[in-house]
Amino acid sequence: MDFEKLDVWKRSARLSADIYKALHGLNDRGFKDQITRAGLSIPCNIAEGMSRRTARDKIHFLLIAKGSCAELRTQAYIGVDIGYLAGDTGQHWIQETRDIAAMLSGLINRLKQDASG
């Protein structure tokens, strides 16, 4: 399965690019670095996982991507609260991380089913 064909990868890559664009001028390098890394981690771990041979390896990296969704969602909440992100931008990113995490859960469940039977 080519990761480039997965909607979850496409959406997470687009989200990562949006994060970089939105925070381009932010001077707080600590926050900027952390949130961009979390966003970038999602599509990168999907790509790495789906390039692995076994279902177990694939699932391992997809779970890391799912964890990065939670990290990014937390940072979006904080970014809105401290005024680094506009409310609508933060809410969009929060919803995207929820949707992407749900898509990852579905993919993980499918891989588990395929591996067991």
PDB file of N, CA and C in Angstrom:
ATOM      1  N   MET A   1       0.849  -1.182   0.000  1.00  0.00           N
ATOM      2  CA  MET A   1       0.000   0.000   0.000  1.00  0.00           C
ATOM      3  C   MET A   1       0.893   1.244   0.000  1.00  0.00           C
ATOM      4  N   ASP A   2       0.780   2.059  -1.030  1.00  0.00           N
ATOM      5  CA  ASP A   2       1.570   3.285  -1.119  1.00  0.00           C
ATOM      6  C   ASP A   2       0.984   4.350  -0.198  1.00  0.00           C
ATOM      7  N   PHE A   3       1.812   4.886   0.673  1.00  0.00           N
ATOM      8  CA  PHE A   3       1.311   5.878   1.628  1.00  0.00           C
ATOM      9  C   PHE A   3       0.768   7.116   0.924  1.00  0.00           C
ATOM     10  N   GLU A   4       1.321   7.448  -0.249  1.00  0.00           N
ATOM     11  CA  GLU A   4       0.871   8.648  -0.970  1.00  0.00           C
ATOM     12  C   GLU A   4      -0.589   8.569  -1.407  1.00  0.00           C
ATOM     13  N   LYS A   5      -1.122   7.364  -1.472  1.00  0.00           N
ATOM     14  CA  LYS A   5      -2.510   7.173  -1.890  1.00  0.00           C
ATOM     15  C   LYS A   5      -3.489   7.267  -0.721  1.00  0.00           C
ATOM     16  N   LEU A   6      -2.979   7.259   0.494  1.00  0.00           N
ATOM     17  CA  LEU A   6      -3.834   7.275   1.678  1.00  0.00           C
ATOM     18  C   LEU A   6      -4.355   8.679   1.966  1.00  0.00           C
ATOM     19  N   ASP A   7      -5.666   8.793   2.129  1.00  0.00           N
ATOM     20  CA  ASP A   7      -6.255  10.091   2.466  1.00  0.00           C
ATOM     21  C   ASP A   7      -5.718  10.622   3.792  1.00  0.00           C
ATOM     22  N   VAL A   8      -5.473   9.733   4.746  1.00  0.00           N
ATOM     23  CA  VAL A   8      -4.961  10.169   6.048  1.00  0.00           C
ATOM     24  C   VAL A   8      -3.578  10.794   5.900  1.00  0.00           C
ATOM     25  N   TRP A   9      -2.755  10.248   5.021  1.00  0.00           N
ATOM     26  CA  TRP A   9      -1.443  10.841   4.783  1.00  0.00           C
ATOM     27  C   TRP A   9      -1.587  12.194   4.095  1.00  0.00           C
ATOM     28  N   LYS A  10      -2.443  12.271   3.085  1.00  0.00           N
ATOM     29  CA  LYS A  10      -2.654  13.528   2.357  1.00  0.00           C
ATOM     30  C   LYS A  10      -3.139  14.627   3.295  1.00  0.00           C
ATOM     31  N   ARG A  11      -4.113  14.296   4.128  1.00  0.00           N
ATOM     32  CA  ARG A  11      -4.646  15.299   5.059  1.00  0.00           C
ATOM     33  C   ARG A  11      -3.614  15.749   6.072  1.00  0.00           C
ATOM     34  N   SER A  12      -2.851  14.792   6.603  1.00  0.00           N
ATOM     35  CA  SER A  12      -1.854  15.155   7.614  1.00  0.00           C
ATOM     36  C   SER A  12      -0.701  15.942   7.000  1.00  0.00           C
ATOM     37  N   ALA A  13      -0.327  15.639   5.771  1.00  0.00           N
ATOM     38  CA  ALA A  13       0.730  16.406   5.100  1.00  0.00           C
ATOM     39  C   ALA A  13       0.255  17.837   4.839  1.00  0.00           C
ATOM     40  N   ARG A  14      -0.994  17.974   4.454  1.00  0.00           N
ATOM     41  CA  ARG A  14      -1.564  19.318   4.215  1.00  0.00           C
ATOM     42  C   ARG A  14      -1.618  20.104   5.528  1.00  0.00           C
ATOM     43  N   LEU A  15      -2.017  19.434   6.615  1.00  0.00           N
ATOM     44  CA  LEU A  15      -2.057  20.088   7.926  1.00  0.00           C
ATOM     45  C   LEU A  15      -0.666  20.549   8.333  1.00  0.00           C
ATOM     46  N   SER A  16       0.325  19.707   8.140  1.00  0.00           N
ATOM     47  CA  SER A  16       1.694  20.076   8.492  1.00  0.00           C
ATOM     48  C   SER A  16       2.143  21.310   7.713  1.00  0.00           C
ATOM     49  N   ALA A  17       1.864  21.333   6.425  1.00  0.00           N
ATOM     50  CA  ALA A  17       2.231  22.493   5.608  1.00  0.00           C
ATOM     51  C   ALA A  17       1.504  23.750   6.093  1.00  0.00           C
ATOM     52  N   ASP A  18       0.232  23.605   6.448  1.00  0.00           N
ATOM     53  CA  ASP A  18      -0.543  24.745   6.954  1.00  0.00           C
ATOM     54  C   ASP A  18       0.062  25.307   8.243  1.00  0.00           C
ATOM     55  N   ILE A  19       0.545  24.421   9.096  1.00  0.00           N
ATOM     56  CA  ILE A  19       1.156  24.852  10.351  1.00  0.00           C
ATOM     57  C   ILE A  19       2.408  25.690  10.068  1.00  0.00           C
ATOM     58  N   TYR A  20       3.254  25.185   9.194  1.00  0.00           N
ATOM     59  CA  TYR A  20       4.467  25.927   8.843  1.00  0.00           C
ATOM     60  C   TYR A  20       4.125  27.297   8.271  1.00  0.00           C
ATOM     61  N   LYS A  21       3.146  27.343   7.384  1.00  0.00           N
ATOM     62  CA  LYS A  21       2.759  28.617   6.767  1.00  0.00           C
ATOM     63  C   LYS A  21       2.186  29.583   7.795  1.00  0.00           C
ATOM     64  N   ALA A  22       1.320  29.090   8.662  1.00  0.00           N
ATOM     65  CA  ALA A  22       0.656  29.960   9.635  1.00  0.00           C
ATOM     66  C   ALA A  22       1.625  30.517  10.675  1.00  0.00           C
ATOM     67  N   LEU A  23       2.657  29.768  11.001  1.00  0.00           N
ATOM     68  CA  LEU A  23       3.577  30.180  12.065  1.00  0.00           C
ATOM     69  C   LEU A  23       4.904  30.712  11.536  1.00  0.00           C
ATOM     70  N   HIS A  24       4.955  30.976  10.248  1.00  0.00           N
ATOM     71  CA  HIS A  24       6.190  31.427   9.609  1.00  0.00           C
ATOM     72  C   HIS A  24       6.842  32.598  10.347  1.00  0.00           C
ATOM     73  N   GLY A  25       6.064  33.579  10.743  1.00  0.00           N
ATOM     74  CA  GLY A  25       6.618  34.776  11.373  1.00  0.00           C
ATOM     75  C   GLY A  25       6.661  34.750  12.889  1.00  0.00           C
ATOM     76  N   LEU A  26       6.281  33.636  13.506  1.00  0.00           N
ATOM     77  CA  LEU A  26       6.254  33.566  14.973  1.00  0.00           C
ATOM     78  C   LEU A  26       7.669  33.602  15.529  1.00  0.00           C
ATOM     79  N   ASN A  27       7.901  34.491  16.497  1.00  0.00           N
ATOM     80  CA  ASN A  27       9.237  34.659  17.074  1.00  0.00           C
ATOM     81  C   ASN A  27       9.545  33.678  18.205  1.00  0.00           C
ATOM     82  N   ASP A  28       8.530  33.092  18.807  1.00  0.00           N
ATOM     83  CA  ASP A  28       8.756  32.135  19.893  1.00  0.00           C
ATOM     84  C   ASP A  28       9.219  30.820  19.275  1.00  0.00           C
ATOM     85  N   ARG A  29      10.523  30.670  19.188  1.00  0.00           N
ATOM     86  CA  ARG A  29      11.083  29.497  18.498  1.00  0.00           C
ATOM     87  C   ARG A  29      10.792  28.190  19.223  1.00  0.00           C
ATOM     88  N   GLY A  30      10.693  28.239  20.539  1.00  0.00           N
ATOM     89  CA  GLY A  30      10.398  27.021  21.289  1.00  0.00           C
ATOM     90  C   GLY A  30       9.030  26.470  20.922  1.00  0.00           C
ATOM     91  N   PHE A  31       8.026  27.324  20.971  1.00  0.00           N
ATOM     92  CA  PHE A  31       6.669  26.891  20.632  1.00  0.00           C
ATOM     93  C   PHE A  31       6.578  26.503  19.162  1.00  0.00           C
ATOM     94  N   LYS A  32       7.127  27.354  18.322  1.00  0.00           N
ATOM     95  CA  LYS A  32       7.082  27.114  16.877  1.00  0.00           C
ATOM     96  C   LYS A  32       7.745  25.791  16.516  1.00  0.00           C
ATOM     97  N   ASP A  33       8.904  25.528  17.100  1.00  0.00           N
ATOM     98  CA  ASP A  33       9.625  24.293  16.813  1.00  0.00           C
ATOM     99  C   ASP A  33       8.822  23.075  17.274  1.00  0.00           C
ATOM    100  N   GLN A  34       8.265  23.153  18.459  1.00  0.00           N
ATOM    101  CA  GLN A  34       7.535  22.014  19.022  1.00  0.00           C
ATOM    102  C   GLN A  34       6.279  21.697  18.216  1.00  0.00           C
ATOM    103  N   ILE A  35       5.512  22.707  17.865  1.00  0.00           N
ATOM    104  CA  ILE A  35       4.252  22.454  17.161  1.00  0.00           C
ATOM    105  C   ILE A  35       4.495  22.026  15.713  1.00  0.00           C
ATOM    106  N   THR A  36       5.516  22.594  15.081  1.00  0.00           N
ATOM    107  CA  THR A  36       5.799  22.170  13.706  1.00  0.00           C
ATOM    108  C   THR A  36       6.348  20.743  13.679  1.00  0.00           C
ATOM    109  N   ARG A  37       7.138  20.377  14.680  1.00  0.00           N
ATOM    110  CA  ARG A  37       7.645  19.000  14.754  1.00  0.00           C
ATOM    111  C   ARG A  37       6.512  18.004  14.978  1.00  0.00           C
ATOM    112  N   ALA A  38       5.580  18.350  15.853  1.00  0.00           N
ATOM    113  CA  ALA A  38       4.440  17.460  16.095  1.00  0.00           C
ATOM    114  C   ALA A  38       3.626  17.294  14.813  1.00  0.00           C
ATOM    115  N   GLY A  39       3.389  18.396  14.121  1.00  0.00           N
ATOM    116  CA  GLY A  39       2.633  18.328  12.875  1.00  0.00           C
ATOM    117  C   GLY A  39       3.349  17.536  11.803  1.00  0.00           C
ATOM    118  N   LEU A  40       4.644  17.712  11.689  1.00  0.00           N
ATOM    119  CA  LEU A  40       5.438  17.008  10.692  1.00  0.00           C
ATOM    120  C   LEU A  40       5.560  15.521  11.012  1.00  0.00           C
ATOM    121  N   SER A  41       5.546  15.199  12.291  1.00  0.00           N
ATOM    122  CA  SER A  41       5.673  13.811  12.725  1.00  0.00           C
ATOM    123  C   SER A  41       4.522  12.943  12.227  1.00  0.00           C
ATOM    124  N   ILE A  42       3.350  13.518  12.067  1.00  0.00           N
ATOM    125  CA  ILE A  42       2.177  12.717  11.702  1.00  0.00           C
ATOM    126  C   ILE A  42       2.341  12.098  10.310  1.00  0.00           C
ATOM    127  N   PRO A  43       2.497  12.898   9.242  1.00  0.00           N
ATOM    128  CA  PRO A  43       2.636  12.264   7.922  1.00  0.00           C
ATOM    129  C   PRO A  43       3.930  11.473   7.774  1.00  0.00           C
ATOM    130  N   CYS A  44       4.988  11.898   8.448  1.00  0.00           N
ATOM    131  CA  CYS A  44       6.260  11.167   8.345  1.00  0.00           C
ATOM    132  C   CYS A  44       6.150   9.779   8.951  1.00  0.00           C
ATOM    133  N   ASN A  45       5.474   9.654  10.080  1.00  0.00           N
ATOM    134  CA  ASN A  45       5.315   8.337  10.698  1.00  0.00           C
ATOM    135  C   ASN A  45       4.332   7.464   9.925  1.00  0.00           C
ATOM    136  N   ILE A  46       3.345   8.067   9.303  1.00  0.00           N
ATOM    137  CA  ILE A  46       2.461   7.295   8.432  1.00  0.00           C
ATOM    138  C   ILE A  46       3.272   6.736   7.266  1.00  0.00           C
ATOM    139  N   ALA A  47       4.075   7.588   6.649  1.00  0.00           N
ATOM    140  CA  ALA A  47       4.898   7.156   5.515  1.00  0.00           C
ATOM    141  C   ALA A  47       5.860   6.053   5.926  1.00  0.00           C
ATOM    142  N   GLU A  48       6.546   6.255   7.040  1.00  0.00           N
ATOM    143  CA  GLU A  48       7.507   5.244   7.482  1.00  0.00           C
ATOM    144  C   GLU A  48       6.812   3.937   7.821  1.00  0.00           C
ATOM    145  N   GLY A  49       5.710   4.035   8.541  1.00  0.00           N
ATOM    146  CA  GLY A  49       4.989   2.825   8.925  1.00  0.00           C
ATOM    147  C   GLY A  49       4.476   2.040   7.736  1.00  0.00           C
ATOM    148  N   MET A  50       3.878   2.730   6.783  1.00  0.00           N
ATOM    149  CA  MET A  50       3.298   2.034   5.643  1.00  0.00           C
ATOM    150  C   MET A  50       4.367   1.492   4.706  1.00  0.00           C
ATOM    151  N   SER A  51       5.604   1.908   4.909  1.00  0.00           N
ATOM    152  CA  SER A  51       6.722   1.385   4.122  1.00  0.00           C
ATOM    153  C   SER A  51       7.345   0.151   4.764  1.00  0.00           C
ATOM    154  N   ARG A  52       6.894  -0.184   5.958  1.00  0.00           N
ATOM    155  CA  ARG A  52       7.407  -1.365   6.659  1.00  0.00           C
ATOM    156  C   ARG A  52       6.723  -2.628   6.146  1.00  0.00           C
ATOM    157  N   ARG A  53       7.348  -3.755   6.419  1.00  0.00           N
ATOM    158  CA  ARG A  53       6.872  -5.033   5.884  1.00  0.00           C
ATOM    159  C   ARG A  53       5.736  -5.661   6.678  1.00  0.00           C
ATOM    160  N   THR A  54       5.864  -5.668   7.989  1.00  0.00           N
ATOM    161  CA  THR A  54       4.880  -6.395   8.791  1.00  0.00           C
ATOM    162  C   THR A  54       3.788  -5.460   9.312  1.00  0.00           C
ATOM    163  N   ALA A  55       2.628  -6.061   9.564  1.00  0.00           N
ATOM    164  CA  ALA A  55       1.513  -5.297  10.137  1.00  0.00           C
ATOM    165  C   ALA A  55       1.916  -4.716  11.489  1.00  0.00           C
ATOM    166  N   ARG A  56       2.658  -5.489  12.264  1.00  0.00           N
ATOM    167  CA  ARG A  56       3.083  -5.019  13.590  1.00  0.00           C
ATOM    168  C   ARG A  56       3.932  -3.746  13.475  1.00  0.00           C
ATOM    169  N   ASP A  57       4.865  -3.730  12.542  1.00  0.00           N
ATOM    170  CA  ASP A  57       5.701  -2.538  12.336  1.00  0.00           C
ATOM    171  C   ASP A  57       4.861  -1.364  11.833  1.00  0.00           C
ATOM    172  N   LYS A  58       3.966  -1.632  10.914  1.00  0.00           N
ATOM    173  CA  LYS A  58       3.091  -0.575  10.397  1.00  0.00           C
ATOM    174  C   LYS A  58       2.292   0.061  11.535  1.00  0.00           C
ATOM    175  N   ILE A  59       1.684  -0.793  12.349  1.00  0.00           N
ATOM    176  CA  ILE A  59       0.851  -0.335  13.464  1.00  0.00           C
ATOM    177  C   ILE A  59       1.672   0.481  14.449  1.00  0.00           C
ATOM    178  N   HIS A  60       2.883   0.048  14.730  1.00  0.00           N
ATOM    179  CA  HIS A  60       3.754   0.780  15.657  1.00  0.00           C
ATOM    180  C   HIS A  60       3.906   2.247  15.230  1.00  0.00           C
ATOM    181  N   PHE A  61       4.215   2.474  13.954  1.00  0.00           N
ATOM    182  CA  PHE A  61       4.412   3.844  13.484  1.00  0.00           C
ATOM    183  C   PHE A  61       3.103   4.615  13.380  1.00  0.00           C
ATOM    184  N   LEU A  62       2.016   3.925  13.066  1.00  0.00           N
ATOM    185  CA  LEU A  62       0.718   4.605  13.021  1.00  0.00           C
ATOM    186  C   LEU A  62       0.295   5.049  14.423  1.00  0.00           C
ATOM    187  N   LEU A  63       0.649   4.260  15.432  1.00  0.00           N
ATOM    188  CA  LEU A  63       0.361   4.668  16.812  1.00  0.00           C
ATOM    189  C   LEU A  63       1.190   5.889  17.214  1.00  0.00           C
ATOM    190  N   ILE A  64       2.417   5.961  16.741  1.00  0.00           N
ATOM    191  CA  ILE A  64       3.233   7.154  16.996  1.00  0.00           C
ATOM    192  C   ILE A  64       2.586   8.363  16.331  1.00  0.00           C
ATOM    193  N   ALA A  65       2.121   8.199  15.098  1.00  0.00           N
ATOM    194  CA  ALA A  65       1.441   9.293  14.398  1.00  0.00           C
ATOM    195  C   ALA A  65       0.199   9.735  15.168  1.00  0.00           C
ATOM    196  N   LYS A  66      -0.532   8.772  15.700  1.00  0.00           N
ATOM    197  CA  LYS A  66      -1.729   9.091  16.488  1.00  0.00           C
ATOM    198  C   LYS A  66      -1.364   9.873  17.747  1.00  0.00           C
ATOM    199  N   GLY A  67      -0.272   9.479  18.388  1.00  0.00           N
ATOM    200  CA  GLY A  67       0.203  10.220  19.556  1.00  0.00           C
ATOM    201  C   GLY A  67       0.602  11.642  19.192  1.00  0.00           C
ATOM    202  N   SER A  68       1.199  11.816  18.016  1.00  0.00           N
ATOM    203  CA  SER A  68       1.560  13.159  17.560  1.00  0.00           C
ATOM    204  C   SER A  68       0.324  14.008  17.306  1.00  0.00           C
ATOM    205  N   CYS A  69      -0.775  13.375  16.912  1.00  0.00           N
ATOM    206  CA  CYS A  69      -2.039  14.112  16.773  1.00  0.00           C
ATOM    207  C   CYS A  69      -2.475  14.694  18.118  1.00  0.00           C
ATOM    208  N   ALA A  70      -2.366  13.888  19.156  1.00  0.00           N
ATOM    209  CA  ALA A  70      -2.743  14.356  20.494  1.00  0.00           C
ATOM    210  C   ALA A  70      -1.813  15.479  20.951  1.00  0.00           C
ATOM    211  N   GLU A  71      -0.531  15.343  20.664  1.00  0.00           N
ATOM    212  CA  GLU A  71       0.429  16.385  21.020  1.00  0.00           C
ATOM    213  C   GLU A  71       0.101  17.683  20.285  1.00  0.00           C
ATOM    214  N   LEU A  72      -0.149  17.587  18.992  1.00  0.00           N
ATOM    215  CA  LEU A  72      -0.475  18.771  18.201  1.00  0.00           C
ATOM    216  C   LEU A  72      -1.774  19.403  18.674  1.00  0.00           C
ATOM    217  N   ARG A  73      -2.761  18.582  18.990  1.00  0.00           N
ATOM    218  CA  ARG A  73      -4.041  19.120  19.476  1.00  0.00           C
ATOM    219  C   ARG A  73      -3.829  19.902  20.767  1.00  0.00           C
ATOM    220  N   THR A  74      -3.014  19.365  21.673  1.00  0.00           N
ATOM    221  CA  THR A  74      -2.701  20.067  22.920  1.00  0.00           C
ATOM    222  C   THR A  74      -2.036  21.411  22.641  1.00  0.00           C
ATOM    223  N   GLN A  75      -1.088  21.421  21.729  1.00  0.00           N
ATOM    224  CA  GLN A  75      -0.379  22.655  21.391  1.00  0.00           C
ATOM    225  C   GLN A  75      -1.298  23.666  20.720  1.00  0.00           C
ATOM    226  N   ALA A  76      -2.260  23.200  19.944  1.00  0.00           N
ATOM    227  CA  ALA A  76      -3.221  24.110  19.321  1.00  0.00           C
ATOM    228  C   ALA A  76      -4.090  24.777  20.387  1.00  0.00           C
ATOM    229  N   TYR A  77      -4.550  23.994  21.366  1.00  0.00           N
ATOM    230  CA  TYR A  77      -5.321  24.587  22.463  1.00  0.00           C
ATOM    231  C   TYR A  77      -4.500  25.668  23.165  1.00  0.00           C
ATOM    232  N   ILE A  78      -3.256  25.358  23.467  1.00  0.00           N
ATOM    233  CA  ILE A  78      -2.391  26.313  24.166  1.00  0.00           C
ATOM    234  C   ILE A  78      -2.097  27.512  23.275  1.00  0.00           C
ATOM    235  N   GLY A  79      -1.836  27.272  21.994  1.00  0.00           N
ATOM    236  CA  GLY A  79      -1.563  28.362  21.055  1.00  0.00           C
ATOM    237  C   GLY A  79      -2.697  29.362  20.975  1.00  0.00           C
ATOM    238  N   VAL A  80      -3.921  28.873  20.986  1.00  0.00           N
ATOM    239  CA  VAL A  80      -5.086  29.771  20.988  1.00  0.00           C
ATOM    240  C   VAL A  80      -5.135  30.526  22.301  1.00  0.00           C
ATOM    241  N   ASP A  81      -4.938  29.813  23.405  1.00  0.00           N
ATOM    242  CA  ASP A  81      -5.037  30.419  24.734  1.00  0.00           C
ATOM    243  C   ASP A  81      -4.014  31.525  24.954  1.00  0.00           C
ATOM    244  N   ILE A  82      -2.817  31.374  24.402  1.00  0.00           N
ATOM    245  CA  ILE A  82      -1.783  32.394  24.612  1.00  0.00           C
ATOM    246  C   ILE A  82      -1.731  33.422  23.481  1.00  0.00           C
ATOM    247  N   GLY A  83      -2.631  33.300  22.519  1.00  0.00           N
ATOM    248  CA  GLY A  83      -2.736  34.306  21.472  1.00  0.00           C
ATOM    249  C   GLY A  83      -1.809  34.105  20.281  1.00  0.00           C
ATOM    250  N   TYR A  84      -1.178  32.951  20.170  1.00  0.00           N
ATOM    251  CA  TYR A  84      -0.320  32.673  19.015  1.00  0.00           C
ATOM    252  C   TYR A  84      -1.124  32.237  17.798  1.00  0.00           C
ATOM    253  N   LEU A  85      -2.299  31.673  18.045  1.00  0.00           N
ATOM    254  CA  LEU A  85      -3.161  31.206  16.965  1.00  0.00           C
ATOM    255  C   LEU A  85      -4.516  31.877  17.060  1.00  0.00           C
ATOM    256  N   ALA A  86      -5.056  32.232  15.912  1.00  0.00           N
ATOM    257  CA  ALA A  86      -6.435  32.726  15.876  1.00  0.00           C
ATOM    258  C   ALA A  86      -7.353  31.575  16.269  1.00  0.00           C
ATOM    259  N   GLY A  87      -8.453  31.894  16.905  1.00  0.00           N
ATOM    260  CA  GLY A  87      -9.377  30.867  17.379  1.00  0.00           C
ATOM    261  C   GLY A  87      -9.854  29.938  16.282  1.00  0.00           C
ATOM    262  N   ASP A  88     -10.189  30.496  15.117  1.00  0.00           N
ATOM    263  CA  ASP A  88     -10.693  29.641  14.037  1.00  0.00           C
ATOM    264  C   ASP A  88      -9.598  28.719  13.497  1.00  0.00           C
ATOM    265  N   THR A  89      -8.371  29.213  13.433  1.00  0.00           N
ATOM    266  CA  THR A  89      -7.250  28.375  12.990  1.00  0.00           C
ATOM    267  C   THR A  89      -7.023  27.244  13.983  1.00  0.00           C
ATOM    268  N   GLY A  90      -6.975  27.582  15.258  1.00  0.00           N
ATOM    269  CA  GLY A  90      -6.776  26.575  16.295  1.00  0.00           C
ATOM    270  C   GLY A  90      -7.875  25.534  16.286  1.00  0.00           C
ATOM    271  N   GLN A  91      -9.120  25.975  16.159  1.00  0.00           N
ATOM    272  CA  GLN A  91     -10.234  25.028  16.134  1.00  0.00           C
ATOM    273  C   GLN A  91     -10.176  24.125  14.910  1.00  0.00           C
ATOM    274  N   HIS A  92      -9.750  24.669  13.776  1.00  0.00           N
ATOM    275  CA  HIS A  92      -9.602  23.860  12.570  1.00  0.00           C
ATOM    276  C   HIS A  92      -8.528  22.780  12.784  1.00  0.00           C
ATOM    277  N   TRP A  93      -7.389  23.164  13.349  1.00  0.00           N
ATOM    278  CA  TRP A  93      -6.316  22.210  13.594  1.00  0.00           C
ATOM    279  C   TRP A  93      -6.743  21.148  14.610  1.00  0.00           C
ATOM    280  N   ILE A  94      -7.484  21.572  15.615  1.00  0.00           N
ATOM    281  CA  ILE A  94      -7.988  20.629  16.623  1.00  0.00           C
ATOM    282  C   ILE A  94      -8.912  19.607  15.965  1.00  0.00           C
ATOM    283  N   GLN A  95      -9.817  20.079  15.125  1.00  0.00           N
ATOM    284  CA  GLN A  95     -10.724  19.158  14.443  1.00  0.00           C
ATOM    285  C   GLN A  95      -9.971  18.244  13.476  1.00  0.00           C
ATOM    286  N   GLU A  96      -8.996  18.795  12.782  1.00  0.00           N
ATOM    287  CA  GLU A  96      -8.195  17.978  11.865  1.00  0.00           C
ATOM    288  C   GLU A  96      -7.464  16.870  12.621  1.00  0.00           C
ATOM    289  N   THR A  97      -6.905  17.189  13.780  1.00  0.00           N
ATOM    290  CA  THR A  97      -6.202  16.152  14.537  1.00  0.00           C
ATOM    291  C   THR A  97      -7.167  15.079  15.025  1.00  0.00           C
ATOM    292  N   ARG A  98      -8.376  15.464  15.373  1.00  0.00           N
ATOM    293  CA  ARG A  98      -9.385  14.466  15.767  1.00  0.00           C
ATOM    294  C   ARG A  98      -9.735  13.564  14.586  1.00  0.00           C
ATOM    295  N   ASP A  99      -9.974  14.182  13.433  1.00  0.00           N
ATOM    296  CA  ASP A  99     -10.334  13.416  12.241  1.00  0.00           C
ATOM    297  C   ASP A  99      -9.200  12.488  11.809  1.00  0.00           C
ATOM    298  N   ILE A 100      -7.985  13.018  11.797  1.00  0.00           N
ATOM    299  CA  ILE A 100      -6.823  12.217  11.388  1.00  0.00           C
ATOM    300  C   ILE A 100      -6.610  11.063  12.361  1.00  0.00           C
ATOM    301  N   ALA A 101      -6.742  11.322  13.662  1.00  0.00           N
ATOM    302  CA  ALA A 101      -6.592  10.258  14.658  1.00  0.00           C
ATOM    303  C   ALA A 101      -7.642   9.168  14.442  1.00  0.00           C
ATOM    304  N   ALA A 102      -8.869   9.557  14.119  1.00  0.00           N
ATOM    305  CA  ALA A 102      -9.929   8.575  13.854  1.00  0.00           C
ATOM    306  C   ALA A 102      -9.600   7.764  12.600  1.00  0.00           C
ATOM    307  N   MET A 103      -9.080   8.428  11.582  1.00  0.00           N
ATOM    308  CA  MET A 103      -8.683   7.720  10.361  1.00  0.00           C
ATOM    309  C   MET A 103      -7.548   6.739  10.650  1.00  0.00           C
ATOM    310  N   LEU A 104      -6.609   7.158  11.479  1.00  0.00           N
ATOM    311  CA  LEU A 104      -5.507   6.273  11.861  1.00  0.00           C
ATOM    312  C   LEU A 104      -6.024   5.056  12.632  1.00  0.00           C
ATOM    313  N   SER A 105      -6.977   5.279  13.527  1.00  0.00           N
ATOM    314  CA  SER A 105      -7.564   4.159  14.271  1.00  0.00           C
ATOM    315  C   SER A 105      -8.206   3.158  13.321  1.00  0.00           C
ATOM    316  N   GLY A 106      -8.909   3.664  12.322  1.00  0.00           N
ATOM    317  CA  GLY A 106      -9.525   2.783  11.337  1.00  0.00           C
ATOM    318  C   GLY A 106      -8.492   1.983  10.565  1.00  0.00           C
ATOM    319  N   LEU A 107      -7.409   2.643  10.170  1.00  0.00           N
ATOM    320  CA  LEU A 107      -6.343   1.967   9.439  1.00  0.00           C
ATOM    321  C   LEU A 107      -5.655   0.922  10.314  1.00  0.00           C
ATOM    322  N   ILE A 108      -5.416   1.257  11.561  1.00  0.00           N
ATOM    323  CA  ILE A 108      -4.813   0.309  12.506  1.00  0.00           C
ATOM    324  C   ILE A 108      -5.711  -0.909  12.674  1.00  0.00           C
ATOM    325  N   ASN A 109      -7.006  -0.688  12.845  1.00  0.00           N
ATOM    326  CA  ASN A 109      -7.934  -1.803  13.009  1.00  0.00           C
ATOM    327  C   ASN A 109      -7.966  -2.693  11.768  1.00  0.00           C
ATOM    328  N   ARG A 110      -7.910  -2.074  10.602  1.00  0.00           N
ATOM    329  CA  ARG A 110      -7.893  -2.848   9.358  1.00  0.00           C
ATOM    330  C   ARG A 110      -6.625  -3.701   9.257  1.00  0.00           C
ATOM    331  N   LEU A 111      -5.492  -3.112   9.619  1.00  0.00           N
ATOM    332  CA  LEU A 111      -4.235  -3.867   9.596  1.00  0.00           C
ATOM    333  C   LEU A 111      -4.275  -5.034  10.579  1.00  0.00           C
ATOM    334  N   LYS A 112      -4.862  -4.815  11.756  1.00  0.00           N
ATOM    335  CA  LYS A 112      -4.991  -5.892  12.744  1.00  0.00           C
ATOM    336  C   LYS A 112      -5.864  -7.015  12.210  1.00  0.00           C
ATOM    337  N   GLN A 113      -6.972  -6.649  11.577  1.00  0.00           N
ATOM    338  CA  GLN A 113      -7.868  -7.665  11.011  1.00  0.00           C
ATOM    339  C   GLN A 113      -7.188  -8.450   9.900  1.00  0.00           C
ATOM    340  N   ASP A 114      -6.490  -7.739   9.024  1.00  0.00           N
ATOM    341  CA  ASP A 114      -5.794  -8.391   7.917  1.00  0.00           C
ATOM    342  C   ASP A 114      -4.720  -9.357   8.426  1.00  0.00           C
ATOM    343  N   ALA A 115      -4.060  -8.958   9.506  1.00  0.00           N
ATOM    344  CA  ALA A 115      -2.980  -9.788  10.056  1.00  0.00           C
ATOM    345  C   ALA A 115      -3.519 -11.026  10.761  1.00  0.00           C
ATOM    346  N   SER A 116      -4.731 -10.923  11.319  1.00  0.00           N
ATOM    347  CA  SER A 116      -5.263 -12.043  12.073  1.00  0.00           C
ATOM    348  C   SER A 116      -6.095 -13.006  11.233  1.00  0.00           C
ATOM    349  N   GLY A 117      -6.383 -12.622  10.013  1.00  0.00           N
ATOM    350  CA  GLY A 117      -7.214 -13.567   9.326  1.00  0.00           C
ATOM    351  C   GLY A 117      -7.254 -13.452   7.897  1.00  0.00           C
TER     352      GLY A 117
END
